[in-house]
């Protein structure tokens, strides 16, 4: 489970109360934010977000949702075009 919080006077403070027992070990990991005010270039965003080129077109393909009929979808598309 993930809990959100912030640092206040050098101490990690959770934003919402939790029922974790006193003394429970936790791992604190800073969340990097990308605000518009930083005005980063595309190259800087690519580097910061560690974007890598797509090596195989199949990586871009999603799965068809189970239970959805391809024929019904195509029929709805055709109807929408009329």
PDB file of N, CA and C in Angstrom:
ATOM      1  N   UNK A   1       0.845  -1.172   0.000  1.00  0.00           N
ATOM      2  CA  UNK A   1       0.000   0.000   0.000  1.00  0.00           C
ATOM      3  C   UNK A   1       0.890   1.234   0.000  1.00  0.00           C
ATOM      4  N   UNK A   2       0.462   2.263  -0.685  1.00  0.00           N
ATOM      5  CA  UNK A   2       1.213   3.510  -0.761  1.00  0.00           C
ATOM      6  C   UNK A   2       0.484   4.596   0.020  1.00  0.00           C
ATOM      7  N   UNK A   3       1.225   5.344   0.802  1.00  0.00           N
ATOM      8  CA  UNK A   3       0.681   6.465   1.556  1.00  0.00           C
ATOM      9  C   UNK A   3       1.357   7.736   1.072  1.00  0.00           C
ATOM     10  N   UNK A   4       0.605   8.799   0.939  1.00  0.00           N
ATOM     11  CA  UNK A   4       1.168  10.080   0.511  1.00  0.00           C
ATOM     12  C   UNK A   4       1.441  10.940   1.727  1.00  0.00           C
ATOM     13  N   UNK A   5       2.474  11.763   1.614  1.00  0.00           N
ATOM     14  CA  UNK A   5       2.829  12.646   2.699  1.00  0.00           C
ATOM     15  C   UNK A   5       3.759  13.733   2.211  1.00  0.00           C
ATOM     16  N   UNK A   6       4.380  14.396   3.160  1.00  0.00           N
ATOM     17  CA  UNK A   6       5.304  15.478   2.841  1.00  0.00           C
ATOM     18  C   UNK A   6       6.294  15.620   4.000  1.00  0.00           C
ATOM     19  N   UNK A   7       7.335  16.382   3.740  1.00  0.00           N
ATOM     20  CA  UNK A   7       8.328  16.634   4.782  1.00  0.00           C
ATOM     21  C   UNK A   7       7.991  17.953   5.476  1.00  0.00           C
ATOM     22  N   UNK A   8       7.945  17.922   6.796  1.00  0.00           N
ATOM     23  CA  UNK A   8       7.674  19.120   7.584  1.00  0.00           C
ATOM     24  C   UNK A   8       8.707  19.181   8.708  1.00  0.00           C
ATOM     25  N   UNK A   9       9.483  20.250   8.700  1.00  0.00           N
ATOM     26  CA  UNK A   9      10.549  20.420   9.697  1.00  0.00           C
ATOM     27  C   UNK A   9      11.475  19.201   9.755  1.00  0.00           C
ATOM     28  N   UNK A  10      11.767  18.638   8.570  1.00  0.00           N
ATOM     29  CA  UNK A  10      12.696  17.517   8.495  1.00  0.00           C
ATOM     30  C   UNK A  10      12.119  16.161   8.841  1.00  0.00           C
ATOM     31  N   UNK A  11      10.798  16.080   9.055  1.00  0.00           N
ATOM     32  CA  UNK A  11      10.150  14.818   9.433  1.00  0.00           C
ATOM     33  C   UNK A  11       9.084  14.472   8.401  1.00  0.00           C
ATOM     34  N   UNK A  12       9.023  13.210   7.989  1.00  0.00           N
ATOM     35  CA  UNK A  12       7.990  12.757   7.055  1.00  0.00           C
ATOM     36  C   UNK A  12       6.650  12.722   7.778  1.00  0.00           C
ATOM     37  N   UNK A  13       5.644  13.386   7.205  1.00  0.00           N
ATOM     38  CA  UNK A  13       4.300  13.456   7.788  1.00  0.00           C
ATOM     39  C   UNK A  13       3.310  12.942   6.754  1.00  0.00           C
ATOM     40  N   UNK A  14       2.475  11.976   7.136  1.00  0.00           N
ATOM     41  CA  UNK A  14       1.468  11.451   6.221  1.00  0.00           C
ATOM     42  C   UNK A  14       0.323  12.451   6.067  1.00  0.00           C
ATOM     43  N   UNK A  15      -0.220  12.534   4.848  1.00  0.00           N
ATOM     44  CA  UNK A  15      -1.326  13.457   4.587  1.00  0.00           C
ATOM     45  C   UNK A  15      -2.643  12.972   5.194  1.00  0.00           C
ATOM     46  N   UNK A  16      -2.809  11.677   5.319  1.00  0.00           N
ATOM     47  CA  UNK A  16      -4.029  11.088   5.882  1.00  0.00           C
ATOM     48  C   UNK A  16      -3.655  10.177   7.046  1.00  0.00           C
ATOM     49  N   UNK A  17      -4.513  10.074   8.045  1.00  0.00           N
ATOM     50  CA  UNK A  17      -4.238   9.151   9.156  1.00  0.00           C
ATOM     51  C   UNK A  17      -4.151   7.708   8.657  1.00  0.00           C
ATOM     52  N   UNK A  18      -3.393   6.893   9.344  1.00  0.00           N
ATOM     53  CA  UNK A  18      -3.255   5.491   8.992  1.00  0.00           C
ATOM     54  C   UNK A  18      -3.374   4.631  10.248  1.00  0.00           C
ATOM     55  N   UNK A  19      -3.699   3.369  10.040  1.00  0.00           N
ATOM     56  CA  UNK A  19      -3.804   2.465  11.187  1.00  0.00           C
ATOM     57  C   UNK A  19      -2.555   1.591  11.325  1.00  0.00           C
ATOM     58  N   UNK A  20      -1.433   2.039  10.745  1.00  0.00           N
ATOM     59  CA  UNK A  20      -0.186   1.296  10.918  1.00  0.00           C
ATOM     60  C   UNK A  20       0.228   1.341  12.388  1.00  0.00           C
ATOM     61  N   UNK A  21       0.675   0.222  12.920  1.00  0.00           N
ATOM     62  CA  UNK A  21       1.102   0.208  14.325  1.00  0.00           C
ATOM     63  C   UNK A  21       2.323   1.094  14.550  1.00  0.00           C
ATOM     64  N   UNK A  22       2.419   1.666  15.727  1.00  0.00           N
ATOM     65  CA  UNK A  22       3.567   2.497  16.102  1.00  0.00           C
ATOM     66  C   UNK A  22       4.851   1.695  15.919  1.00  0.00           C
ATOM     67  N   UNK A  23       5.846   2.310  15.311  1.00  0.00           N
ATOM     68  CA  UNK A  23       7.136   1.652  15.106  1.00  0.00           C
ATOM     69  C   UNK A  23       7.231   0.847  13.821  1.00  0.00           C
ATOM     70  N   UNK A  24       6.173   0.846  13.006  1.00  0.00           N
ATOM     71  CA  UNK A  24       6.207   0.106  11.741  1.00  0.00           C
ATOM     72  C   UNK A  24       7.284   0.685  10.832  1.00  0.00           C
ATOM     73  N   UNK A  25       8.203  -0.156  10.340  1.00  0.00           N
ATOM     74  CA  UNK A  25       9.216   0.353   9.416  1.00  0.00           C
ATOM     75  C   UNK A  25       8.558   0.775   8.099  1.00  0.00           C
ATOM     76  N   UNK A  26       9.028   1.874   7.532  1.00  0.00           N
ATOM     77  CA  UNK A  26       8.505   2.359   6.256  1.00  0.00           C
ATOM     78  C   UNK A  26       9.673   2.736   5.359  1.00  0.00           C
ATOM     79  N   UNK A  27       9.397   2.842   4.076  1.00  0.00           N
ATOM     80  CA  UNK A  27      10.374   3.276   3.093  1.00  0.00           C
ATOM     81  C   UNK A  27       9.889   4.598   2.530  1.00  0.00           C
ATOM     82  N   UNK A  28      10.702   5.620   2.616  1.00  0.00           N
ATOM     83  CA  UNK A  28      10.336   6.942   2.114  1.00  0.00           C
ATOM     84  C   UNK A  28      11.033   7.150   0.773  1.00  0.00           C
ATOM     85  N   UNK A  29      10.264   7.496  -0.250  1.00  0.00           N
ATOM     86  CA  UNK A  29      10.817   7.734  -1.577  1.00  0.00           C
ATOM     87  C   UNK A  29      10.259   9.039  -2.116  1.00  0.00           C
ATOM     88  N   UNK A  30      11.119  10.021  -2.417  1.00  0.00           N
ATOM     89  CA  UNK A  30      10.626  11.294  -2.939  1.00  0.00           C
ATOM     90  C   UNK A  30       9.901  11.102  -4.266  1.00  0.00           C
ATOM     91  N   UNK A  31       8.859  11.881  -4.477  1.00  0.00           N
ATOM     92  CA  UNK A  31       8.111  11.865  -5.725  1.00  0.00           C
ATOM     93  C   UNK A  31       8.603  13.034  -6.561  1.00  0.00           C
ATOM     94  N   UNK A  32       9.094  12.724  -7.754  1.00  0.00           N
ATOM     95  CA  UNK A  32       9.576  13.784  -8.625  1.00  0.00           C
ATOM     96  C   UNK A  32       8.392  14.423  -9.341  1.00  0.00           C
ATOM     97  N   UNK A  33       8.341  15.720  -9.324  1.00  0.00           N
ATOM     98  CA  UNK A  33       7.258  16.433  -9.990  1.00  0.00           C
ATOM     99  C   UNK A  33       7.794  17.163 -11.207  1.00  0.00           C
ATOM    100  N   UNK A  34       6.951  17.306 -12.194  1.00  0.00           N
ATOM    101  CA  UNK A  34       7.311  18.000 -13.419  1.00  0.00           C
ATOM    102  C   UNK A  34       6.353  19.160 -13.601  1.00  0.00           C
ATOM    103  N   UNK A  35       6.673  20.286 -13.029  1.00  0.00           N
ATOM    104  CA  UNK A  35       5.808  21.446 -13.130  1.00  0.00           C
ATOM    105  C   UNK A  35       6.055  22.214 -14.417  1.00  0.00           C
ATOM    106  N   UNK A  36       4.999  22.833 -14.923  1.00  0.00           N
ATOM    107  CA  UNK A  36       5.129  23.648 -16.120  1.00  0.00           C
ATOM    108  C   UNK A  36       6.116  24.792 -15.907  1.00  0.00           C
ATOM    109  N   UNK A  37       6.229  25.243 -14.669  1.00  0.00           N
ATOM    110  CA  UNK A  37       7.109  26.370 -14.398  1.00  0.00           C
ATOM    111  C   UNK A  37       8.572  26.039 -14.668  1.00  0.00           C
ATOM    112  N   UNK A  38       8.923  24.759 -14.758  1.00  0.00           N
ATOM    113  CA  UNK A  38      10.317  24.388 -15.036  1.00  0.00           C
ATOM    114  C   UNK A  38      10.693  24.678 -16.483  1.00  0.00           C
ATOM    115  N   UNK A  39       9.704  24.707 -17.380  1.00  0.00           N
ATOM    116  CA  UNK A  39       9.926  25.034 -18.783  1.00  0.00           C
ATOM    117  C   UNK A  39      11.042  24.182 -19.389  1.00  0.00           C
ATOM    118  N   UNK A  40      10.944  22.851 -19.231  1.00  0.00           N
ATOM    119  CA  UNK A  40      11.963  21.937 -19.733  1.00  0.00           C
ATOM    120  C   UNK A  40      11.818  21.728 -21.231  1.00  0.00           C
ATOM    121  N   UNK A  41      12.938  21.500 -21.892  1.00  0.00           N
ATOM    122  CA  UNK A  41      12.909  21.176 -23.320  1.00  0.00           C
ATOM    123  C   UNK A  41      12.496  19.716 -23.487  1.00  0.00           C
ATOM    124  N   UNK A  42      12.159  19.344 -24.718  1.00  0.00           N
ATOM    125  CA  UNK A  42      11.797  17.950 -25.001  1.00  0.00           C
ATOM    126  C   UNK A  42      12.964  17.031 -24.636  1.00  0.00           C
ATOM    127  N   UNK A  43      14.169  17.423 -24.991  1.00  0.00           N
ATOM    128  CA  UNK A  43      15.347  16.605 -24.681  1.00  0.00           C
ATOM    129  C   UNK A  43      15.511  16.421 -23.174  1.00  0.00           C
ATOM    130  N   UNK A  44      15.276  17.477 -22.394  1.00  0.00           N
ATOM    131  CA  UNK A  44      15.383  17.379 -20.935  1.00  0.00           C
ATOM    132  C   UNK A  44      14.302  16.463 -20.361  1.00  0.00           C
ATOM    133  N   UNK A  45      13.078  16.550 -20.891  1.00  0.00           N
ATOM    134  CA  UNK A  45      11.999  15.665 -20.434  1.00  0.00           C
ATOM    135  C   UNK A  45      12.313  14.210 -20.751  1.00  0.00           C
ATOM    136  N   UNK A  46      12.823  13.971 -21.968  1.00  0.00           N
ATOM    137  CA  UNK A  46      13.188  12.601 -22.367  1.00  0.00           C
ATOM    138  C   UNK A  46      14.226  12.039 -21.409  1.00  0.00           C
ATOM    139  N   UNK A  47      15.230  12.827 -21.105  1.00  0.00           N
ATOM    140  CA  UNK A  47      16.285  12.378 -20.195  1.00  0.00           C
ATOM    141  C   UNK A  47      15.746  12.140 -18.790  1.00  0.00           C
ATOM    142  N   UNK A  48      14.962  13.066 -18.278  1.00  0.00           N
ATOM    143  CA  UNK A  48      14.442  12.966 -16.914  1.00  0.00           C
ATOM    144  C   UNK A  48      13.492  11.780 -16.766  1.00  0.00           C
ATOM    145  N   UNK A  49      12.664  11.543 -17.796  1.00  0.00           N
ATOM    146  CA  UNK A  49      11.675  10.467 -17.726  1.00  0.00           C
ATOM    147  C   UNK A  49      12.233   9.144 -18.246  1.00  0.00           C
ATOM    148  N   UNK A  50      13.474   9.147 -18.670  1.00  0.00           N
ATOM    149  CA  UNK A  50      14.156   7.947 -19.177  1.00  0.00           C
ATOM    150  C   UNK A  50      13.365   7.270 -20.288  1.00  0.00           C
ATOM    151  N   UNK A  51      12.874   8.084 -21.226  1.00  0.00           N
ATOM    152  CA  UNK A  51      12.138   7.567 -22.373  1.00  0.00           C
ATOM    153  C   UNK A  51      13.119   6.870 -23.307  1.00  0.00           C
ATOM    154  N   UNK A  52      12.743   5.708 -23.795  1.00  0.00           N
ATOM    155  CA  UNK A  52      13.589   4.962 -24.725  1.00  0.00           C
ATOM    156  C   UNK A  52      12.806   4.727 -26.015  1.00  0.00           C
ATOM    157  N   UNK A  53      13.515   4.629 -27.152  1.00  0.00           N
ATOM    158  CA  UNK A  53      12.823   4.388 -28.426  1.00  0.00           C
ATOM    159  C   UNK A  53      12.092   3.048 -28.417  1.00  0.00           C
ATOM    160  N   UNK A  54      11.010   2.990 -29.179  1.00  0.00           N
ATOM    161  CA  UNK A  54      10.281   1.736 -29.342  1.00  0.00           C
ATOM    162  C   UNK A  54      11.093   0.854 -30.280  1.00  0.00           C
ATOM    163  N   UNK A  55      11.361  -0.361 -29.853  1.00  0.00           N
ATOM    164  CA  UNK A  55      12.168  -1.258 -30.684  1.00  0.00           C
ATOM    165  C   UNK A  55      11.322  -2.237 -31.478  1.00  0.00           C
ATOM    166  N   UNK A  56      10.071  -2.417 -31.083  1.00  0.00           N
ATOM    167  CA  UNK A  56       9.193  -3.345 -31.788  1.00  0.00           C
ATOM    168  C   UNK A  56       7.793  -2.739 -31.828  1.00  0.00           C
ATOM    169  N   UNK A  57       7.167  -2.654 -33.010  1.00  0.00           N
ATOM    170  CA  UNK A  57       5.832  -2.052 -33.109  1.00  0.00           C
ATOM    171  C   UNK A  57       4.787  -2.707 -32.206  1.00  0.00           C
ATOM    172  N   UNK A  58       4.937  -3.981 -31.922  1.00  0.00           N
ATOM    173  CA  UNK A  58       3.966  -4.674 -31.061  1.00  0.00           C
ATOM    174  C   UNK A  58       3.935  -4.087 -29.655  1.00  0.00           C
ATOM    175  N   UNK A  59       5.025  -3.405 -29.255  1.00  0.00           N
ATOM    176  CA  UNK A  59       5.050  -2.775 -27.930  1.00  0.00           C
ATOM    177  C   UNK A  59       3.990  -1.685 -27.805  1.00  0.00           C
ATOM    178  N   UNK A  60       3.559  -1.124 -28.943  1.00  0.00           N
ATOM    179  CA  UNK A  60       2.563  -0.061 -28.929  1.00  0.00           C
ATOM    180  C   UNK A  60       1.133  -0.590 -28.946  1.00  0.00           C
ATOM    181  N   UNK A  61       0.970  -1.857 -29.253  1.00  0.00           N
ATOM    182  CA  UNK A  61      -0.367  -2.440 -29.376  1.00  0.00           C
ATOM    183  C   UNK A  61      -0.915  -2.809 -28.004  1.00  0.00           C
ATOM    184  N   UNK A  62      -2.181  -2.563 -27.824  1.00  0.00           N
ATOM    185  CA  UNK A  62      -2.854  -2.980 -26.599  1.00  0.00           C
ATOM    186  C   UNK A  62      -3.615  -4.269 -26.841  1.00  0.00           C
ATOM    187  N   UNK A  63      -4.159  -4.824 -25.798  1.00  0.00           N
ATOM    188  CA  UNK A  63      -4.972  -6.027 -25.923  1.00  0.00           C
ATOM    189  C   UNK A  63      -6.420  -5.634 -26.122  1.00  0.00           C
ATOM    190  N   UNK A  64      -7.155  -6.469 -26.849  1.00  0.00           N
ATOM    191  CA  UNK A  64      -8.580  -6.258 -27.020  1.00  0.00           C
ATOM    192  C   UNK A  64      -9.272  -6.678 -25.729  1.00  0.00           C
ATOM    193  N   UNK A  65     -10.158  -5.839 -25.176  1.00  0.00           N
ATOM    194  CA  UNK A  65     -10.819  -6.188 -23.911  1.00  0.00           C
ATOM    195  C   UNK A  65     -11.630  -7.471 -24.030  1.00  0.00           C
ATOM    196  N   UNK A  66     -11.459  -8.344 -23.063  1.00  0.00           N
ATOM    197  CA  UNK A  66     -12.225  -9.593 -23.053  1.00  0.00           C
ATOM    198  C   UNK A  66     -13.710  -9.273 -22.904  1.00  0.00           C
ATOM    199  N   UNK A  67     -14.535 -10.019 -23.580  1.00  0.00           N
ATOM    200  CA  UNK A  67     -15.980  -9.832 -23.490  1.00  0.00           C
ATOM    201  C   UNK A  67     -16.515  -8.827 -24.490  1.00  0.00           C
ATOM    202  N   UNK A  68     -15.640  -8.066 -25.134  1.00  0.00           N
ATOM    203  CA  UNK A  68     -16.080  -7.120 -26.159  1.00  0.00           C
ATOM    204  C   UNK A  68     -15.959  -7.793 -27.522  1.00  0.00           C
ATOM    205  N   UNK A  69     -17.023  -7.738 -28.279  1.00  0.00           N
ATOM    206  CA  UNK A  69     -17.037  -8.348 -29.596  1.00  0.00           C
ATOM    207  C   UNK A  69     -16.468  -7.369 -30.617  1.00  0.00           C
ATOM    208  N   UNK A  70     -15.511  -7.821 -31.400  1.00  0.00           N
ATOM    209  CA  UNK A  70     -14.937  -6.994 -32.447  1.00  0.00           C
ATOM    210  C   UNK A  70     -16.005  -6.628 -33.478  1.00  0.00           C
ATOM    211  N   UNK A  71     -16.874  -7.562 -33.777  1.00  0.00           N
ATOM    212  CA  UNK A  71     -17.936  -7.291 -34.755  1.00  0.00           C
ATOM    213  C   UNK A  71     -18.888  -6.203 -34.258  1.00  0.00           C
ATOM    214  N   UNK A  72     -19.246  -6.244 -32.975  1.00  0.00           N
ATOM    215  CA  UNK A  72     -20.117  -5.211 -32.412  1.00  0.00           C
ATOM    216  C   UNK A  72     -19.428  -3.845 -32.456  1.00  0.00           C
ATOM    217  N   UNK A  73     -18.148  -3.827 -32.164  1.00  0.00           N
ATOM    218  CA  UNK A  73     -17.398  -2.574 -32.204  1.00  0.00           C
ATOM    219  C   UNK A  73     -17.386  -2.006 -33.623  1.00  0.00           C
ATOM    220  N   UNK A  74     -17.049  -2.839 -34.585  1.00  0.00           N
ATOM    221  CA  UNK A  74     -17.005  -2.376 -35.977  1.00  0.00           C
ATOM    222  C   UNK A  74     -18.378  -1.919 -36.443  1.00  0.00           C
ATOM    223  N   UNK A  75     -19.416  -2.610 -36.029  1.00  0.00           N
ATOM    224  CA  UNK A  75     -20.768  -2.213 -36.375  1.00  0.00           C
ATOM    225  C   UNK A  75     -21.099  -0.827 -35.811  1.00  0.00           C
ATOM    226  N   UNK A  76     -20.713  -0.590 -34.560  1.00  0.00           N
ATOM    227  CA  UNK A  76     -20.950   0.707 -33.934  1.00  0.00           C
ATOM    228  C   UNK A  76     -20.178   1.812 -34.632  1.00  0.00           C
ATOM    229  N   UNK A  77     -18.962   1.517 -35.064  1.00  0.00           N
ATOM    230  CA  UNK A  77     -18.152   2.507 -35.799  1.00  0.00           C
ATOM    231  C   UNK A  77     -18.848   2.847 -37.123  1.00  0.00           C
ATOM    232  N   UNK A  78     -19.309   1.811 -37.817  1.00  0.00           N
ATOM    233  CA  UNK A  78     -19.975   2.042 -39.102  1.00  0.00           C
ATOM    234  C   UNK A  78     -21.251   2.861 -38.922  1.00  0.00           C
ATOM    235  N   UNK A  79     -22.005   2.566 -37.860  1.00  0.00           N
ATOM    236  CA  UNK A  79     -23.229   3.328 -37.586  1.00  0.00           C
ATOM    237  C   UNK A  79     -22.924   4.788 -37.279  1.00  0.00           C
ATOM    238  N   UNK A  80     -21.846   5.009 -36.543  1.00  0.00           N
ATOM    239  CA  UNK A  80     -21.461   6.355 -36.186  1.00  0.00           C
ATOM    240  C   UNK A  80     -21.021   7.199 -37.375  1.00  0.00           C
ATOM    241  N   UNK A  81     -20.616   6.531 -38.414  1.00  0.00           N
ATOM    242  CA  UNK A  81     -20.167   7.242 -39.616  1.00  0.00           C
ATOM    243  C   UNK A  81     -21.313   7.669 -40.511  1.00  0.00           C
ATOM    244  N   UNK A  82     -22.505   7.124 -40.269  1.00  0.00           N
ATOM    245  CA  UNK A  82     -23.659   7.444 -41.135  1.00  0.00           C
ATOM    246  C   UNK A  82     -24.284   8.745 -40.766  1.00  0.00           C
TER     247      UNK A  82
END
